[in-house]
Protein backbone atom coordinates (compact mmCIF):
# COMPACT_ATOMS: atom_id res chain seq x y z
CA MET A 1 1.27 -15.55 -7.31
CA ILE A 2 -1.68 -14.98 -9.59
CA LEU A 3 -1.06 -12.46 -12.39
CA HIS A 4 -3.85 -10.64 -14.22
CA LYS A 5 -2.95 -8.34 -17.11
CA PHE A 6 -5.22 -5.60 -18.43
CA LYS A 7 -5.14 -3.37 -21.50
CA ASP A 8 -7.54 -0.93 -19.88
CA GLN A 9 -6.86 0.69 -16.50
CA ASN A 10 -10.57 1.24 -15.91
CA GLU A 11 -11.10 -2.52 -15.98
CA LEU A 12 -8.08 -3.01 -13.74
CA ASN A 13 -9.52 -0.55 -11.22
CA ARG A 14 -12.88 -2.30 -11.22
CA VAL A 15 -11.32 -5.70 -10.64
CA GLY A 16 -9.12 -4.32 -7.87
CA ALA A 17 -12.13 -2.73 -6.18
CA ASP A 18 -14.17 -5.92 -6.54
CA LEU A 19 -11.43 -7.96 -4.84
CA LEU A 20 -11.37 -5.64 -1.84
CA LEU A 21 -15.16 -5.38 -1.74
CA SER A 22 -15.52 -9.15 -1.83
CA ILE A 23 -13.49 -9.32 1.37
CA VAL A 24 -15.80 -6.79 3.07
CA ARG A 25 -18.97 -8.52 1.86
CA THR A 26 -17.74 -11.88 3.10
CA LYS A 27 -16.40 -10.48 6.36
CA PRO A 28 -18.08 -7.19 7.37
CA ASN A 29 -15.48 -6.58 10.11
CA ALA A 30 -12.57 -7.12 7.73
CA ILE A 31 -9.16 -5.56 8.30
CA LEU A 32 -7.79 -3.92 5.16
CA GLY A 33 -4.26 -2.68 4.53
CA MET A 34 -4.31 0.57 2.56
CA ALA A 35 -1.79 2.25 0.27
CA THR A 36 -1.41 5.77 -1.08
CA GLY A 37 0.03 7.35 -4.21
CA SER A 38 -1.49 7.55 -7.67
CA THR A 39 -1.73 3.77 -8.18
CA PRO A 40 -4.75 2.96 -5.96
CA VAL A 41 -6.76 6.15 -6.64
CA GLY A 42 -8.85 4.58 -9.39
CA ILE A 43 -9.59 1.57 -7.21
CA TYR A 44 -10.73 3.83 -4.38
CA GLN A 45 -12.98 5.71 -6.80
CA GLU A 46 -14.65 2.44 -7.78
CA ILE A 47 -15.12 1.52 -4.12
CA VAL A 48 -16.78 4.90 -3.46
CA LYS A 49 -19.13 4.38 -6.44
CA THR A 50 -20.18 1.00 -5.10
CA TYR A 51 -20.80 2.44 -1.64
CA GLN A 52 -22.86 5.30 -3.08
CA GLN A 53 -25.03 2.72 -4.84
CA GLY A 54 -25.84 1.26 -1.43
CA LEU A 55 -24.17 -2.06 -2.20
CA VAL A 56 -21.66 -2.22 0.66
CA SER A 57 -21.04 -0.84 4.15
CA PHE A 58 -17.73 -0.20 5.92
CA LYS A 59 -19.14 0.48 9.40
CA GLU A 60 -17.33 -2.51 10.90
CA VAL A 61 -14.19 -2.36 8.75
CA THR A 62 -10.77 -1.48 10.19
CA THR A 63 -7.94 -0.12 8.04
CA PHE A 64 -4.20 0.22 8.53
CA ASN A 65 -2.11 2.37 6.23
CA LEU A 66 1.35 1.32 5.16
CA ASP A 67 3.19 4.53 5.88
CA GLU A 68 3.25 8.25 6.55
CA TYR A 69 5.72 11.06 6.00
CA ALA A 70 7.71 12.18 9.04
CA GLY A 71 7.31 15.77 10.15
CA LEU A 72 4.39 16.58 7.86
CA SER A 73 1.22 17.88 9.53
CA VAL A 74 -1.74 15.52 9.25
CA THR A 75 -3.70 18.46 7.81
CA HIS A 76 -1.13 19.00 5.05
CA PRO A 77 -2.81 18.06 1.74
CA GLU A 78 0.04 15.65 0.94
CA SER A 79 0.03 13.80 4.25
CA TYR A 80 -1.18 10.26 3.80
CA ARG A 81 -3.92 10.82 6.37
CA SER A 82 -5.22 13.68 4.20
CA PHE A 83 -4.86 11.51 1.10
CA MET A 84 -6.96 8.72 2.57
CA ASN A 85 -9.61 11.12 3.86
CA SER A 86 -9.82 12.86 0.50
CA HIS A 87 -9.86 9.79 -1.74
CA LEU A 88 -11.76 7.28 0.37
CA PHE A 89 -12.60 7.71 4.05
CA ASN A 90 -14.67 10.90 3.73
CA HIS A 91 -16.85 9.27 1.06
CA ILE A 92 -17.83 6.01 2.78
CA ASP A 93 -19.36 5.12 6.14
CA ILE A 94 -16.17 3.86 7.79
CA LEU A 95 -15.70 5.05 11.38
CA ALA A 96 -12.80 7.49 11.71
CA GLU A 97 -11.61 5.73 14.87
CA ASN A 98 -11.19 2.52 12.88
CA THR A 99 -8.79 4.07 10.35
CA TYR A 100 -5.16 3.91 11.40
CA VAL A 101 -2.19 5.74 9.89
CA PRO A 102 1.29 5.86 11.47
CA ASN A 103 1.93 9.08 13.40
CA GLY A 104 4.78 10.75 11.54
CA ASN A 105 4.82 13.55 14.12
CA ALA A 106 5.38 11.37 17.16
CA ASP A 107 8.12 12.58 19.51
CA ASP A 108 9.74 9.14 19.34
CA LEU A 109 9.31 7.53 15.92
CA ASP A 110 10.88 4.27 17.08
CA GLU A 111 8.32 4.00 19.86
CA GLU A 112 5.55 4.94 17.43
CA GLY A 113 6.65 2.07 15.20
CA ARG A 114 6.40 -0.37 18.09
CA ARG A 115 2.99 1.00 19.07
CA TYR A 116 1.69 0.68 15.52
CA ASP A 117 2.84 -2.93 15.17
CA GLU A 118 1.29 -3.86 18.51
CA LEU A 119 -1.99 -2.31 17.42
CA ILE A 120 -2.00 -4.28 14.16
CA TYR A 121 -1.38 -7.57 15.93
CA GLN A 122 -3.99 -6.77 18.60
CA LYS A 123 -6.64 -6.22 15.95
CA GLY A 124 -5.75 -9.40 14.05
CA LEU A 125 -4.31 -10.34 10.70
CA VAL A 126 -4.86 -7.95 7.79
CA ASP A 127 -7.28 -9.73 5.45
CA MET A 128 -5.99 -8.01 2.30
CA GLN A 129 -3.11 -5.58 1.90
CA ILE A 130 -3.09 -3.40 -1.21
CA LEU A 131 0.37 -2.46 -2.49
CA GLY A 132 2.03 -0.55 -5.28
CA ILE A 133 5.74 -0.63 -6.07
CA GLY A 134 8.23 2.12 -6.70
CA HIS A 135 10.52 2.29 -9.71
CA ASN A 136 13.36 1.02 -7.52
CA GLY A 137 11.27 -1.83 -6.12
CA HIS A 138 10.35 -0.27 -2.80
CA ILE A 139 7.23 -1.44 -0.99
CA GLY A 140 5.69 1.14 1.31
CA PHE A 141 8.86 3.06 2.10
CA ASN A 142 11.01 -0.07 2.43
CA GLU A 143 13.84 1.09 0.19
CA PRO A 144 16.56 -1.06 -1.43
CA ASP A 145 19.30 -1.59 1.14
CA GLU A 146 21.77 -4.12 2.49
CA ALA A 147 19.12 -5.26 4.97
CA LEU A 148 15.38 -4.73 5.44
CA SER A 149 13.54 -4.06 8.68
CA ARG A 150 10.87 -6.49 9.78
CA PHE A 151 8.72 -4.06 11.77
CA THR A 152 7.38 -0.51 11.41
CA HIS A 153 10.32 1.87 11.43
CA LYS A 154 11.72 5.26 10.42
CA VAL A 155 13.40 5.44 7.02
CA THR A 156 15.49 7.96 5.12
CA LEU A 157 13.93 8.35 1.69
CA LYS A 158 16.10 7.65 -1.33
CA PRO A 159 16.66 10.57 -3.74
CA GLU A 160 14.79 8.74 -6.50
CA THR A 161 11.78 8.22 -4.23
CA ARG A 162 11.70 11.88 -3.26
CA GLU A 163 12.06 12.82 -6.92
CA ALA A 164 9.14 10.54 -7.85
CA ASN A 165 6.98 12.19 -5.16
CA LYS A 166 8.04 15.74 -6.08
CA ARG A 167 5.06 16.07 -8.44
CA PHE A 168 2.78 16.22 -5.39
CA PHE A 169 4.65 19.21 -3.89
CA ASN A 170 5.66 22.67 -5.07
CA SER A 171 9.35 21.73 -5.14
CA ILE A 172 11.77 18.98 -4.14
CA ASP A 173 12.66 21.02 -1.05
CA GLU A 174 9.15 20.47 0.30
CA VAL A 175 9.29 16.68 -0.06
CA PRO A 176 9.97 15.13 3.37
CA THR A 177 13.31 13.40 3.79
CA HIS A 178 12.02 10.74 6.22
CA ALA A 179 8.97 8.57 6.68
CA LEU A 180 7.51 5.95 8.98
CA THR A 181 6.67 2.67 7.24
CA MET A 182 5.46 -0.80 8.02
CA GLY A 183 8.31 -3.28 7.67
CA MET A 184 8.40 -6.17 5.24
CA GLY A 185 7.58 -8.63 8.02
CA SER A 186 4.42 -6.74 8.94
CA ILE A 187 3.40 -6.49 5.28
CA LEU A 188 3.99 -10.16 4.59
CA HIS A 189 1.95 -11.07 7.67
CA ALA A 190 -1.25 -10.18 5.79
CA LYS A 191 -3.51 -13.06 4.78
CA SER A 192 -3.53 -11.90 1.17
CA ILE A 193 -1.80 -9.20 -0.85
CA LEU A 194 -3.11 -7.23 -3.82
CA LEU A 195 -0.19 -5.81 -5.82
CA VAL A 196 -1.21 -3.16 -8.34
CA VAL A 197 1.32 -2.00 -10.92
CA LYS A 198 0.45 0.59 -13.56
CA GLY A 199 2.51 2.11 -16.36
CA ALA A 200 4.86 0.63 -18.95
CA GLU A 201 7.79 2.28 -17.16
CA LYS A 202 7.32 -0.18 -14.29
CA ALA A 203 7.49 -3.30 -16.47
CA GLU A 204 11.17 -3.92 -15.70
CA ILE A 205 10.82 -3.66 -11.93
CA LEU A 206 7.67 -5.80 -12.00
CA ASP A 207 9.55 -8.47 -13.94
CA ARG A 208 12.33 -8.38 -11.34
CA THR A 209 9.70 -8.56 -8.59
CA LEU A 210 8.00 -11.62 -10.07
CA ASN A 211 10.87 -13.47 -11.69
CA GLY A 212 14.16 -12.17 -10.32
CA PRO A 213 16.08 -13.34 -7.28
CA ILE A 214 14.74 -12.49 -3.83
CA THR A 215 17.00 -9.67 -2.73
CA THR A 216 16.97 -6.70 -0.37
CA GLN A 217 17.97 -4.61 -3.38
CA VAL A 218 14.44 -5.22 -4.70
CA PRO A 219 12.24 -5.26 -1.59
CA ALA A 220 9.17 -6.17 -3.66
CA SER A 221 10.86 -9.47 -4.59
CA PHE A 222 10.05 -10.73 -1.08
CA LEU A 223 6.43 -10.99 -2.20
CA GLN A 224 7.53 -14.22 -3.88
CA THR A 225 7.62 -15.76 -0.41
CA HIS A 226 3.94 -15.03 0.31
CA PRO A 227 1.40 -17.81 -0.40
CA ARG A 228 -1.38 -15.53 -1.71
CA VAL A 229 -0.42 -12.58 -3.89
CA ILE A 230 -2.70 -11.29 -6.64
CA VAL A 231 -1.02 -9.01 -9.18
CA LEU A 232 -3.02 -6.59 -11.34
CA THR A 233 -1.08 -4.77 -14.04
CA ASP A 234 -1.23 -3.16 -17.44
CA CYS A 235 2.46 -3.98 -18.02
CA ASP A 236 3.48 -6.55 -20.62
CA VAL A 237 5.12 -8.87 -18.11
CA ASP A 238 4.68 -12.60 -17.59
CA TYR A 239 5.08 -14.67 -14.43
CA LYS A 240 7.67 -17.28 -15.41
CA ARG A 241 8.09 -19.20 -12.18
CA SER A 242 6.28 -22.35 -11.12
CA HIS A 243 2.96 -21.68 -9.36
CA SER A 244 3.46 -24.62 -7.02
């Protein structure tokens, strides 16, 4: 892992955007793994600024999102499809048919998970996957559990995850109870991973992610097994393990 610490989130966002943009400039038909939530918003804003300056094109880029709520209309403002359209896709020249988000309204979510994984592997390896982590160490919606699923699958959201996402809805009752998420195997299959962690309140879980034992109780700890993870954070956390 490579750890970069920032005192200023604006600088963090610029560096994060530059890392993703460097992939696109080097490989115009790059495959990017996208994330939602408040963490990547600033990075997406920087990407949009760069596009508006005429410095990059996304016409050949393909994207795959990590997850989507189950049972939430794609037109709902808090669906992850709406999120991506609002914060990124509608502001760049990416082709809508090249942006993929799991279908949380599929009649058979297990079959949808299989379809999504097949599509990812047909397109090729994700060149860079952007990730955030939850306060309990979840990645995507891979929650702490006795075992983790390798492939895209339906999950029951933990109370603490629903509580953390409540701020985006009118009440906790509106927060979906289930979601469809890429599994840890699919995530770790990416060529490179960009982990972005913001907020002093996430320092403890980031430390456990970087330096603690690899355990299903902290799904993010499995990132230790990946050969190319770049961590951007404003937390006061050090990477204590050997880089070999």
